[in-house]
């Protein structure tokens, strides 16, 4: 039996934990402290977008580190404070990849002061196609929706390929620092971030840790529980509470489904990018720009 925890978000200050086949509603010791601790150590950068964070700092299998200050990931940016906007402006973002559909962008427009010079927005008018293809026929239970959500992660490799490829092209073209975001910053952005880290050689356990971190950070977002209705995603906003918790949660099984589909259909993230038109040189440019080598590796390169 897989004993890794599954996290489903409830209301503020409440999480629904599922371990194996046993579920419970609980407030574990120190609950809520994790998000506050993240804020103290600097991980939580913006008050109005708690899931905004630097994707850098992780160790790669080659011994290098993902460079900090190059790629940021976030939720939507419509509720930024004046201080938040000053923080974003200080990052000097060169590009933004907005994975939200037109409907979401209209409902929650990015704060004017947080926009970058180069922006790539998803051309999708709405996300109804996801609901109709994957969720419409699912039983309205948490278990059925969790299975469907895993299917959604696998299908993103095709349905969000244009957006993901545009993101990697922007990195290859040195549009850095770059911000990638969606509405919550956990699913579409989570998949995008996972592909970036995988290409750079970060191990899967660390990628999963980065992905699951969204649940801790979003717990401090007072607006998160209303995300589906606020973004005008009406097909999702009327769901039973147990299905809404799945939609608002993170689960290792979702990321497992993404990577299982990637490996079975393409092989590696590098192969995925080559399949979609990037060149070997562009992939090499991305890794060179994003990986800070060890001192020894840097000495070999300079020699």
Protein backbone atom coordinates (compact mmCIF):
# COMPACT_ATOMS: atom_id res chain seq x y z
CA UNK A 1 0.00 0.00 0.00
CA UNK A 2 1.26 3.50 -0.84
CA UNK A 3 1.53 5.36 2.47
CA UNK A 4 2.59 8.75 1.11
CA UNK A 5 0.20 11.47 2.29
CA UNK A 6 -2.37 13.02 0.02
CA UNK A 7 -3.39 16.55 0.87
CA UNK A 8 -6.84 17.92 0.10
CA UNK A 9 -7.50 21.52 1.05
CA UNK A 10 -10.55 22.38 3.13
CA UNK A 11 -11.40 25.80 4.50
CA UNK A 12 -8.83 28.09 6.11
CA UNK A 13 -6.93 26.24 8.81
CA UNK A 14 -8.30 22.82 7.87
CA UNK A 15 -6.80 20.06 5.76
CA UNK A 16 -8.12 16.66 4.84
CA UNK A 17 -5.37 14.06 5.04
CA UNK A 18 -5.58 10.74 3.22
CA UNK A 19 -2.97 8.11 4.00
CA UNK A 20 -3.46 4.87 2.12
CA UNK A 21 -7.15 4.04 2.50
CA UNK A 22 -7.62 5.94 5.77
CA UNK A 23 -8.93 9.50 5.69
CA UNK A 24 -9.34 11.89 8.55
CA UNK A 25 -10.18 15.51 9.17
CA UNK A 26 -7.41 16.80 11.37
CA UNK A 27 -5.45 19.74 12.69
CA UNK A 28 -2.02 18.15 13.19
CA UNK A 29 0.34 19.55 15.84
CA UNK A 30 1.68 22.90 14.71
CA UNK A 31 -0.84 23.06 11.90
CA UNK A 32 -0.71 26.36 10.02
CA UNK A 33 2.83 26.99 11.31
CA UNK A 34 4.47 25.65 8.16
CA UNK A 35 3.21 28.45 5.96
CA UNK A 36 4.23 31.04 8.57
CA UNK A 37 7.71 29.49 8.81
CA UNK A 38 8.04 29.65 5.04
CA UNK A 39 7.26 33.35 5.21
CA UNK A 40 9.88 33.86 7.92
CA UNK A 41 12.66 32.19 5.92
CA UNK A 42 11.83 34.28 2.86
CA UNK A 43 10.14 31.62 0.74
CA UNK A 44 6.79 33.42 0.82
CA UNK A 45 7.61 36.55 -1.13
CA UNK A 46 4.23 38.21 -1.72
CA UNK A 47 1.35 38.79 0.69
CA UNK A 48 -1.26 38.90 -2.07
CA UNK A 49 0.12 35.81 -3.84
CA UNK A 50 1.46 33.43 -1.16
CA UNK A 51 2.39 30.79 -3.75
CA UNK A 52 4.83 33.13 -5.54
CA UNK A 53 8.34 31.72 -5.15
CA UNK A 54 11.77 31.29 -6.67
CA UNK A 55 12.23 27.96 -8.44
CA UNK A 56 15.99 28.09 -7.88
CA UNK A 57 18.29 26.67 -5.24
CA UNK A 58 17.72 22.95 -5.79
CA UNK A 59 20.67 20.60 -6.20
CA UNK A 60 20.98 18.72 -9.49
CA UNK A 61 22.17 15.16 -9.94
CA UNK A 62 25.39 16.51 -11.46
CA UNK A 63 26.17 18.35 -8.24
CA UNK A 64 25.29 21.82 -9.50
CA UNK A 65 22.44 24.03 -8.36
CA UNK A 66 19.46 25.57 -10.13
CA UNK A 67 20.23 29.28 -10.30
CA UNK A 68 18.19 31.56 -8.09
CA UNK A 69 16.57 34.69 -9.43
CA UNK A 70 15.99 33.22 -12.89
CA UNK A 71 12.55 31.56 -12.81
CA UNK A 72 9.66 32.28 -10.49
CA UNK A 73 6.37 30.39 -10.18
CA UNK A 74 3.11 31.76 -8.82
CA UNK A 75 -0.64 31.88 -8.57
CA UNK A 76 -2.67 34.69 -10.16
CA UNK A 77 -1.53 38.23 -9.36
CA UNK A 78 -4.76 40.22 -9.09
CA UNK A 79 -4.61 40.88 -5.33
CA UNK A 80 -1.08 42.22 -4.90
CA UNK A 81 -0.44 44.88 -2.31
CA UNK A 82 1.58 47.99 -3.12
CA UNK A 83 4.54 46.39 -1.36
CA UNK A 84 4.05 43.22 -3.41
CA UNK A 85 4.16 45.23 -6.63
CA UNK A 86 7.38 46.91 -5.52
CA UNK A 87 8.84 43.45 -4.79
CA UNK A 88 7.87 42.15 -8.24
CA UNK A 89 9.23 45.25 -9.97
CA UNK A 90 12.55 44.81 -8.14
CA UNK A 91 12.88 41.36 -9.75
CA UNK A 92 13.10 43.02 -13.21
CA UNK A 93 11.09 40.26 -14.86
CA UNK A 94 11.86 39.91 -18.55
CA UNK A 95 8.99 37.56 -19.40
CA UNK A 96 5.73 36.16 -18.07
CA UNK A 97 4.12 32.89 -19.16
CA UNK A 98 0.45 33.07 -18.15
CA UNK A 99 -1.10 29.60 -18.37
CA UNK A 100 -4.61 30.81 -17.56
CA UNK A 101 -7.39 30.88 -20.12
CA UNK A 102 -8.92 34.15 -21.33
CA UNK A 103 -11.89 33.69 -18.98
CA UNK A 104 -9.60 33.44 -15.95
CA UNK A 105 -7.49 36.41 -17.02
CA UNK A 106 -10.59 38.59 -17.43
CA UNK A 107 -11.95 37.58 -14.02
CA UNK A 108 -8.65 38.07 -12.20
CA UNK A 109 -6.47 40.48 -14.21
CA UNK A 110 -2.80 40.77 -13.33
CA UNK A 111 -2.00 43.95 -11.41
CA UNK A 112 -0.72 46.53 -13.91
CA UNK A 113 2.47 47.17 -11.96
CA UNK A 114 3.41 43.47 -12.02
CA UNK A 115 3.43 43.00 -15.79
CA UNK A 116 6.61 42.24 -17.74
CA UNK A 117 7.83 43.49 -21.11
CA UNK A 118 7.36 40.08 -22.79
CA UNK A 119 4.18 38.15 -22.08
CA UNK A 120 2.94 34.88 -23.50
CA UNK A 121 -0.68 34.15 -22.62
CA UNK A 122 -2.53 30.93 -23.27
CA UNK A 123 -4.83 31.22 -26.30
CA UNK A 124 -7.47 29.01 -24.68
CA UNK A 125 -10.79 30.85 -24.24
CA UNK A 126 -11.81 28.74 -21.24
CA UNK A 127 -11.10 25.43 -19.52
CA UNK A 128 -14.44 23.80 -20.33
CA UNK A 129 -12.66 21.31 -22.59
CA UNK A 130 -10.91 19.85 -19.54
CA UNK A 131 -14.15 19.42 -17.64
CA UNK A 132 -16.02 17.96 -20.60
CA UNK A 133 -13.29 15.50 -21.55
CA UNK A 134 -12.19 14.31 -18.12
CA UNK A 135 -14.52 15.28 -15.30
CA UNK A 136 -18.04 15.41 -16.77
CA UNK A 137 -18.53 11.64 -16.67
CA UNK A 138 -16.73 11.02 -13.38
CA UNK A 139 -18.72 10.05 -10.32
CA UNK A 140 -18.97 12.98 -7.94
CA UNK A 141 -16.82 11.39 -5.25
CA UNK A 142 -13.37 12.36 -4.01
CA UNK A 143 -11.88 9.06 -5.18
CA UNK A 144 -13.28 9.36 -8.72
CA UNK A 145 -12.21 12.97 -9.04
CA UNK A 146 -8.70 12.19 -7.78
CA UNK A 147 -8.37 9.56 -10.53
CA UNK A 148 -9.67 12.06 -13.08
CA UNK A 149 -7.28 14.70 -11.82
CA UNK A 150 -4.36 12.34 -12.44
CA UNK A 151 -5.66 11.93 -16.01
CA UNK A 152 -5.67 15.72 -16.33
CA UNK A 153 -1.98 15.88 -15.43
CA UNK A 154 -1.14 13.30 -18.08
CA UNK A 155 -3.15 15.11 -20.74
CA UNK A 156 -1.41 18.43 -20.05
CA UNK A 157 1.60 17.14 -21.99
CA UNK A 158 -0.52 17.48 -25.13
CA UNK A 159 -3.10 20.13 -24.34
CA UNK A 160 -0.62 22.56 -22.79
CA UNK A 161 2.30 21.70 -25.05
CA UNK A 162 2.13 25.09 -26.86
CA UNK A 163 2.31 26.96 -23.56
CA UNK A 164 5.05 24.74 -22.11
CA UNK A 165 7.14 24.94 -25.28
CA UNK A 166 6.73 28.74 -25.39
CA UNK A 167 8.05 28.83 -21.83
CA UNK A 168 11.14 26.79 -22.68
CA UNK A 169 11.76 28.87 -25.82
CA UNK A 170 11.62 32.03 -23.71
CA UNK A 171 14.25 30.56 -21.37
CA UNK A 172 16.42 29.57 -24.34
CA UNK A 173 16.08 33.09 -25.76
CA UNK A 174 17.33 34.52 -22.45
CA UNK A 175 14.02 36.11 -21.45
CA UNK A 176 15.13 35.85 -17.85
CA UNK A 177 14.12 36.39 -15.13
CA UNK A 178 10.88 34.67 -16.10
CA UNK A 179 7.60 34.17 -14.25
CA UNK A 180 5.26 31.26 -14.99
CA UNK A 181 1.86 31.20 -13.33
CA UNK A 182 -1.78 30.11 -13.54
CA UNK A 183 -4.69 30.66 -11.13
CA UNK A 184 -3.61 28.72 -8.04
CA UNK A 185 -0.05 28.11 -9.21
CA UNK A 186 -0.20 24.42 -8.36
CA UNK A 187 -1.49 22.35 -11.32
CA UNK A 188 -0.58 23.88 -14.69
CA UNK A 189 2.26 25.80 -13.07
CA UNK A 190 3.16 22.74 -11.02
CA UNK A 191 3.49 20.67 -14.18
CA UNK A 192 5.52 23.40 -15.89
CA UNK A 193 7.85 23.73 -12.91
CA UNK A 194 8.25 19.95 -12.68
CA UNK A 195 9.29 19.77 -16.34
CA UNK A 196 11.83 22.56 -15.85
CA UNK A 197 13.38 20.94 -12.80
CA UNK A 198 13.38 17.52 -14.46
CA UNK A 199 15.20 18.88 -17.51
CA UNK A 200 17.79 20.46 -15.22
CA UNK A 201 18.46 17.15 -13.48
CA UNK A 202 16.75 17.69 -10.13
CA UNK A 203 15.73 14.37 -8.57
CA UNK A 204 12.07 13.38 -8.54
CA UNK A 205 11.73 13.43 -4.75
CA UNK A 206 12.82 17.07 -4.67
CA UNK A 207 10.52 17.94 -7.59
CA UNK A 208 7.63 16.35 -5.66
CA UNK A 209 8.56 18.34 -2.56
CA UNK A 210 8.48 21.58 -4.55
CA UNK A 211 5.12 20.63 -6.03
CA UNK A 212 3.52 19.74 -2.69
CA UNK A 213 4.79 22.97 -1.15
CA UNK A 214 1.93 24.79 -2.89
CA UNK A 215 -0.53 23.30 -0.40
CA UNK A 216 1.33 24.82 2.54
CA UNK A 217 1.67 28.22 0.90
CA UNK A 218 -1.91 28.39 -0.33
CA UNK A 219 -3.17 27.63 3.17
CA UNK A 220 -2.27 31.24 4.05
CA UNK A 221 -4.30 32.63 1.12
CA UNK A 222 -7.68 33.72 2.48
CA UNK A 223 -9.15 33.76 -1.03
CA UNK A 224 -7.98 30.31 -2.10
CA UNK A 225 -11.09 28.37 -1.08
CA UNK A 226 -13.11 30.60 -3.43
CA UNK A 227 -10.65 30.28 -6.31
CA UNK A 228 -12.94 28.31 -8.63
CA UNK A 229 -15.83 30.75 -8.40
CA UNK A 230 -13.61 33.84 -8.32
CA UNK A 231 -11.99 32.74 -11.59
CA UNK A 232 -15.47 32.26 -13.10
CA UNK A 233 -14.86 28.54 -13.65
CA UNK A 234 -18.56 27.85 -13.30
CA UNK A 235 -18.47 24.20 -14.31
CA UNK A 236 -16.25 23.53 -11.30
CA UNK A 237 -17.62 26.00 -8.75
CA UNK A 238 -20.88 24.08 -8.17
CA UNK A 239 -19.19 20.79 -7.30
CA UNK A 240 -19.85 18.87 -4.08
CA UNK A 241 -17.42 19.89 -1.35
CA UNK A 242 -15.47 16.62 -1.53
CA UNK A 243 -14.78 17.17 -5.24
CA UNK A 244 -13.83 20.80 -4.64
CA UNK A 245 -11.27 19.64 -2.09
CA UNK A 246 -9.69 17.44 -4.73
CA UNK A 247 -9.59 20.37 -7.16
CA UNK A 248 -7.93 22.56 -4.55
CA UNK A 249 -5.43 19.95 -3.34
CA UNK A 250 -2.12 18.43 -4.35
CA UNK A 251 -1.31 14.73 -4.56
CA UNK A 252 1.87 12.85 -5.42
CA UNK A 253 -0.25 10.63 -7.71
CA UNK A 254 -0.94 13.58 -10.00
CA UNK A 255 2.73 14.30 -10.60
CA UNK A 256 3.39 10.56 -10.91
CA UNK A 257 0.82 10.46 -13.72
CA UNK A 258 2.54 13.35 -15.51
CA UNK A 259 5.93 11.67 -15.44
CA UNK A 260 4.52 8.22 -16.29
CA UNK A 261 2.93 9.66 -19.42
CA UNK A 262 6.11 11.58 -20.26
CA UNK A 263 8.31 8.50 -19.97
CA UNK A 264 5.97 6.13 -21.81
CA UNK A 265 5.37 8.48 -24.74
CA UNK A 266 8.54 10.54 -25.08
CA UNK A 267 11.24 9.17 -22.79
CA UNK A 268 12.60 12.27 -21.08
CA UNK A 269 11.74 15.95 -20.80
CA UNK A 270 14.57 16.65 -23.24
CA UNK A 271 12.99 14.21 -25.73
CA UNK A 272 9.61 15.93 -25.18
CA UNK A 273 11.11 19.30 -26.08
CA UNK A 274 12.91 17.93 -29.13
CA UNK A 275 9.67 16.32 -30.26
CA UNK A 276 7.99 19.72 -30.07
CA UNK A 277 10.60 21.50 -32.12
CA UNK A 278 13.33 22.70 -29.80
CA UNK A 279 16.87 21.98 -30.94
CA UNK A 280 19.73 20.34 -29.05
CA UNK A 281 21.43 23.74 -28.93
CA UNK A 282 18.36 25.36 -27.37
CA UNK A 283 18.15 22.66 -24.71
CA UNK A 284 21.87 23.07 -24.00
CA UNK A 285 21.38 26.84 -23.74
CA UNK A 286 18.59 26.33 -21.19
CA UNK A 287 20.66 24.07 -18.97
CA UNK A 288 23.71 26.35 -19.19
CA UNK A 289 21.62 29.38 -18.25
CA UNK A 290 19.83 27.66 -15.39
CA UNK A 291 22.46 25.44 -13.72
CA UNK A 292 25.19 26.91 -11.56
CA UNK A 293 28.04 24.38 -11.70
CA UNK A 294 30.11 23.33 -8.72
CA UNK A 295 33.43 25.12 -8.23
CA UNK A 296 35.25 22.13 -9.66
CA UNK A 297 32.98 21.98 -12.71
CA UNK A 298 33.40 25.72 -13.24
CA UNK A 299 37.20 25.37 -13.13
CA UNK A 300 37.04 22.63 -15.79
CA UNK A 301 34.81 24.79 -18.01
CA UNK A 302 37.05 27.83 -17.68
CA UNK A 303 40.15 25.74 -18.41
